[in-house]
Amino acid sequence: MNPPNPILKVTNLTVKLQNQTLLNNLTFNVNKGTTLAILGPNGAGKTVLFRALLNLLPHTGTIEWLEKTKIGYVPQYVTIADTPITVYEFLTLGNKTHNIKDTLNTVKLTQPDIENKRLGVLSGGQLRRVLIAWALTNNPNVLLLDEPTTGVDMDSEEPIYMLLNDIKKKQKITILLITHNIHIVQEYTDYLLAINKHITYYGPATDIANPLIQQQIHGEPVCVESLRGKP
């Protein structure tokens, strides 16, 4: 087993806005080259955690990224698909040095003339892949993905997680992803951070198959098979 090699150390992280506690005393590490799933009910503070990690929200406690860490971020919701912009134009926003074809090939968008299509005509799966491609354009070593299959047909969800797993291995990227899907946690991630404003579980992702851990996270056991393929 490889020794711990943290790219991120979070200690006693607390986020309060307007006298409301959104996150309370979170402490965890993320090892380099691993995938951390972040699980929790709606309103648990998952997106708040990402915004704090990106230094977009005031907080107390410490967030320590390894020196020279570069972060790519894919938000859950985007409105840019409603604007008359092509895939090529979108992928060159703020960065005109990378190879668009190579980036699209990385996310397995190889259809002829895909770069000239407008974002608004893409399928949900194609759009999510374009967003992942955009997050990769500055050669990050960390990806933050907030429910990366939002708006994607059920049959197209798992291929995206397979793609992310492949990118992680080939490019040695560290991934933090928010998901509600226990099957995805079990199959495609290394560690699990379950939160509900505070930490309800932190440890190996494989433990999600343990009914006692499910009860600790959700308050009652959840059948993994019944959630397979569901968001």
Protein backbone atom coordinates (compact mmCIF):
# COMPACT_ATOMS: atom_id res chain seq x y z
CA MET A 1 0.00 0.00 0.00
CA ASN A 2 1.30 3.45 -0.93
CA PRO A 3 1.93 5.83 1.99
CA PRO A 4 -0.47 8.78 2.38
CA ASN A 5 0.37 11.61 0.01
CA PRO A 6 -2.16 14.38 0.67
CA ILE A 7 -2.76 16.99 -2.01
CA LEU A 8 -5.40 18.60 0.23
CA LYS A 9 -5.62 18.94 4.00
CA VAL A 10 -8.79 20.39 5.54
CA THR A 11 -8.85 21.08 9.27
CA ASN A 12 -11.81 22.30 11.35
CA LEU A 13 -13.48 23.89 8.33
CA THR A 14 -16.56 25.89 9.31
CA VAL A 15 -18.68 28.08 7.04
CA LYS A 16 -21.25 30.49 8.48
CA LEU A 17 -23.34 32.94 6.50
CA GLN A 18 -25.88 35.32 8.05
CA ASN A 19 -25.58 33.56 11.42
CA GLN A 20 -26.41 30.21 9.80
CA THR A 21 -23.91 27.36 10.03
CA LEU A 22 -23.56 25.74 6.59
CA LEU A 23 -20.57 23.54 7.44
CA ASN A 24 -19.37 22.70 10.92
CA ASN A 25 -15.87 21.56 11.86
CA LEU A 26 -14.92 19.38 8.85
CA THR A 27 -11.52 17.68 8.98
CA PHE A 28 -10.30 15.38 6.21
CA ASN A 29 -7.46 14.78 3.74
CA VAL A 30 -7.43 13.88 0.05
CA ASN A 31 -4.51 11.83 -1.19
CA LYS A 32 -2.87 12.62 -4.50
CA GLY A 33 -4.16 10.54 -7.40
CA THR A 34 -7.32 9.32 -5.64
CA THR A 35 -11.02 9.98 -6.09
CA LEU A 36 -13.05 11.30 -3.15
CA ALA A 37 -16.83 11.04 -3.34
CA ILE A 38 -18.85 13.60 -1.39
CA LEU A 39 -22.28 12.32 -0.41
CA GLY A 40 -25.13 13.88 1.53
CA PRO A 41 -28.77 14.96 1.37
CA ASN A 42 -29.94 18.16 -0.31
CA GLY A 43 -28.88 21.13 1.78
CA ALA A 44 -26.06 19.18 3.46
CA GLY A 45 -23.42 21.68 2.31
CA LYS A 46 -21.78 19.75 -0.52
CA THR A 47 -21.62 22.64 -2.99
CA VAL A 48 -20.77 24.99 -0.12
CA LEU A 49 -17.75 22.77 0.55
CA PHE A 50 -16.58 23.11 -3.05
CA ARG A 51 -17.01 26.87 -2.94
CA ALA A 52 -14.97 27.02 0.25
CA LEU A 53 -12.24 24.84 -1.30
CA LEU A 54 -12.14 27.29 -4.22
CA ASN A 55 -11.85 30.17 -1.72
CA LEU A 56 -15.15 31.65 -2.88
CA LEU A 57 -16.72 31.73 0.59
CA PRO A 58 -15.47 33.10 3.92
CA HIS A 59 -14.61 30.34 6.35
CA THR A 60 -12.71 29.46 9.48
CA GLY A 61 -10.33 26.56 9.89
CA THR A 62 -7.63 25.75 7.32
CA ILE A 63 -7.64 24.56 3.72
CA GLU A 64 -4.15 23.57 2.57
CA TRP A 65 -3.57 22.63 -1.07
CA LEU A 66 -0.23 21.14 -2.07
CA GLU A 67 2.04 23.74 -3.65
CA LYS A 68 1.45 24.27 -7.40
CA THR A 69 -1.96 22.62 -7.32
CA LYS A 70 -4.08 23.61 -10.34
CA ILE A 71 -7.83 23.07 -10.06
CA GLY A 72 -10.40 22.44 -12.77
CA TYR A 73 -14.04 22.91 -11.75
CA VAL A 74 -17.27 21.60 -13.29
CA PRO A 75 -20.36 23.15 -11.63
CA GLN A 76 -23.65 21.32 -11.36
CA TYR A 77 -25.66 23.89 -13.30
CA VAL A 78 -24.64 26.11 -16.21
CA THR A 79 -26.69 28.52 -18.32
CA ILE A 80 -24.13 29.00 -21.08
CA ALA A 81 -25.90 26.36 -23.19
CA ASP A 82 -28.57 28.96 -23.89
CA THR A 83 -26.10 31.34 -25.52
CA PRO A 84 -25.14 31.23 -29.23
CA ILE A 85 -21.60 29.95 -28.71
CA THR A 86 -19.90 26.98 -30.33
CA VAL A 87 -17.96 24.21 -28.62
CA TYR A 88 -14.73 25.62 -30.08
CA GLU A 89 -15.47 29.15 -28.87
CA PHE A 90 -16.36 27.89 -25.41
CA LEU A 91 -13.20 25.79 -25.07
CA THR A 92 -11.00 28.71 -26.05
CA LEU A 93 -12.48 31.13 -23.48
CA GLY A 94 -9.56 32.36 -21.41
CA ASN A 95 -7.15 29.85 -22.94
CA LYS A 96 -6.07 29.80 -26.57
CA THR A 97 -2.99 27.59 -26.33
CA HIS A 98 -4.34 24.06 -25.93
CA ASN A 99 -5.23 21.69 -28.75
CA ILE A 100 -9.02 21.57 -29.05
CA LYS A 101 -9.05 18.28 -30.96
CA ASP A 102 -6.88 16.58 -28.36
CA THR A 103 -9.06 17.90 -25.54
CA LEU A 104 -12.24 16.68 -27.23
CA ASN A 105 -10.64 13.30 -27.89
CA THR A 106 -9.79 13.06 -24.19
CA VAL A 107 -13.49 13.29 -23.30
CA LYS A 108 -14.39 11.00 -26.23
CA LEU A 109 -16.19 13.63 -28.30
CA THR A 110 -14.96 12.50 -31.70
CA GLN A 111 -18.00 13.21 -33.87
CA PRO A 112 -17.16 15.07 -37.11
CA ASP A 113 -17.44 18.86 -36.77
CA ILE A 114 -18.37 18.63 -33.05
CA GLU A 115 -16.31 21.75 -32.30
CA ASN A 116 -18.51 23.84 -34.60
CA LYS A 117 -21.80 22.83 -32.99
CA ARG A 118 -23.53 25.29 -30.69
CA LEU A 119 -23.75 24.29 -27.05
CA GLY A 120 -27.53 24.62 -27.10
CA VAL A 121 -27.97 21.77 -29.60
CA LEU A 122 -25.82 19.24 -27.73
CA SER A 123 -27.31 16.33 -25.82
CA GLY A 124 -27.02 16.36 -22.03
CA GLY A 125 -24.17 13.86 -22.17
CA GLN A 126 -22.30 15.82 -24.84
CA LEU A 127 -22.64 19.05 -22.88
CA ARG A 128 -21.29 17.48 -19.69
CA ARG A 129 -18.31 16.14 -21.63
CA VAL A 130 -17.68 19.61 -23.06
CA LEU A 131 -17.73 21.04 -19.52
CA ILE A 132 -15.24 18.39 -18.42
CA ALA A 133 -13.08 19.24 -21.45
CA TRP A 134 -13.20 22.93 -20.49
CA ALA A 135 -12.08 22.06 -16.94
CA LEU A 136 -9.12 20.17 -18.43
CA THR A 137 -7.91 22.95 -20.73
CA ASN A 138 -5.47 24.43 -18.22
CA ASN A 139 -3.92 21.04 -17.40
CA PRO A 140 -5.16 20.81 -13.80
CA ASN A 141 -3.97 18.17 -11.37
CA VAL A 142 -7.24 18.34 -9.40
CA LEU A 143 -10.82 18.19 -10.72
CA LEU A 144 -13.83 19.30 -8.66
CA LEU A 145 -17.03 17.89 -10.16
CA ASP A 146 -20.41 18.88 -8.73
CA GLU A 147 -22.82 16.09 -9.76
CA PRO A 148 -21.16 15.71 -13.18
CA THR A 149 -24.10 13.82 -14.75
CA THR A 150 -26.76 16.46 -14.07
CA GLY A 151 -29.10 16.62 -17.06
CA VAL A 152 -27.77 13.37 -18.53
CA ASP A 153 -29.96 10.43 -19.56
CA MET A 154 -29.68 7.50 -17.16
CA ASP A 155 -28.05 5.26 -19.78
CA SER A 156 -25.36 7.90 -20.38
CA GLU A 157 -24.43 8.47 -16.73
CA GLU A 158 -22.11 5.54 -16.08
CA PRO A 159 -20.02 6.11 -19.25
CA ILE A 160 -19.17 9.58 -17.93
CA TYR A 161 -17.89 8.13 -14.65
CA MET A 162 -15.93 5.53 -16.62
CA LEU A 163 -14.45 8.40 -18.64
CA LEU A 164 -13.47 10.31 -15.48
CA ASN A 165 -11.87 7.19 -14.03
CA ASP A 166 -9.88 6.75 -17.24
CA ILE A 167 -8.75 10.38 -17.19
CA LYS A 168 -7.69 10.04 -13.55
CA LYS A 169 -5.51 7.04 -14.32
CA LYS A 170 -3.96 8.37 -17.53
CA GLN A 171 -3.33 11.93 -16.36
CA LYS A 172 -2.78 11.10 -12.67
CA ILE A 173 -5.42 13.63 -11.64
CA THR A 174 -6.99 13.83 -8.19
CA ILE A 175 -10.80 13.98 -8.32
CA LEU A 176 -13.37 15.25 -5.82
CA LEU A 177 -16.92 14.61 -6.96
CA ILE A 178 -20.32 15.24 -5.48
CA THR A 179 -22.86 12.49 -6.11
CA HIS A 180 -26.05 10.95 -4.73
CA ASN A 181 -25.40 7.62 -6.44
CA ILE A 182 -24.21 4.88 -4.09
CA HIS A 183 -23.33 2.61 -7.00
CA ILE A 184 -20.97 5.27 -8.39
CA VAL A 185 -19.37 5.68 -4.96
CA GLN A 186 -18.80 1.95 -4.71
CA GLU A 187 -17.50 1.40 -8.25
CA TYR A 188 -15.56 4.54 -9.20
CA THR A 189 -14.21 6.24 -6.09
CA ASP A 190 -11.53 5.47 -3.51
CA TYR A 191 -12.74 7.38 -0.46
CA LEU A 192 -16.05 8.70 0.77
CA LEU A 193 -16.82 11.87 2.69
CA ALA A 194 -20.45 11.91 3.80
CA ILE A 195 -21.67 15.18 5.24
CA ASN A 196 -24.80 16.75 6.62
CA LYS A 197 -23.28 20.09 7.60
CA HIS A 198 -20.90 17.98 9.69
CA ILE A 199 -19.10 14.75 8.79
CA THR A 200 -21.27 11.66 9.12
CA TYR A 201 -18.68 9.29 7.61
CA TYR A 202 -15.14 9.53 6.25
CA GLY A 203 -13.22 6.50 5.05
CA PRO A 204 -12.86 3.92 2.27
CA ALA A 205 -15.60 4.14 -0.38
CA THR A 206 -16.08 0.37 -0.32
CA ASP A 207 -17.57 0.71 3.17
CA ILE A 208 -20.74 2.12 1.58
CA ALA A 209 -21.82 -1.52 1.03
CA ASN A 210 -21.96 -1.99 4.80
CA PRO A 211 -25.55 -1.52 6.06
CA LEU A 212 -24.21 -0.13 9.33
CA ILE A 213 -22.32 2.59 7.45
CA GLN A 214 -25.41 3.34 5.38
CA GLN A 215 -27.40 3.70 8.57
CA GLN A 216 -24.72 6.00 9.97
CA ILE A 217 -24.96 8.18 6.85
CA HIS A 218 -28.66 8.05 6.04
CA GLY A 219 -30.26 7.01 9.29
CA GLU A 220 -31.44 3.72 7.80
CA PRO A 221 -29.88 1.00 5.59
CA VAL A 222 -30.08 1.56 1.84
CA CYS A 223 -30.01 -1.31 -0.66
CA VAL A 224 -27.11 -0.66 -3.05
CA GLU A 225 -28.70 -2.79 -5.78
CA SER A 226 -31.92 -0.78 -5.65
CA LEU A 227 -29.97 2.42 -6.32
CA ARG A 228 -27.83 1.03 -9.14
CA GLY A 229 -28.05 3.39 -12.08
CA LYS A 230 -30.20 5.94 -10.25
CA PRO A 231 -29.05 9.53 -9.60
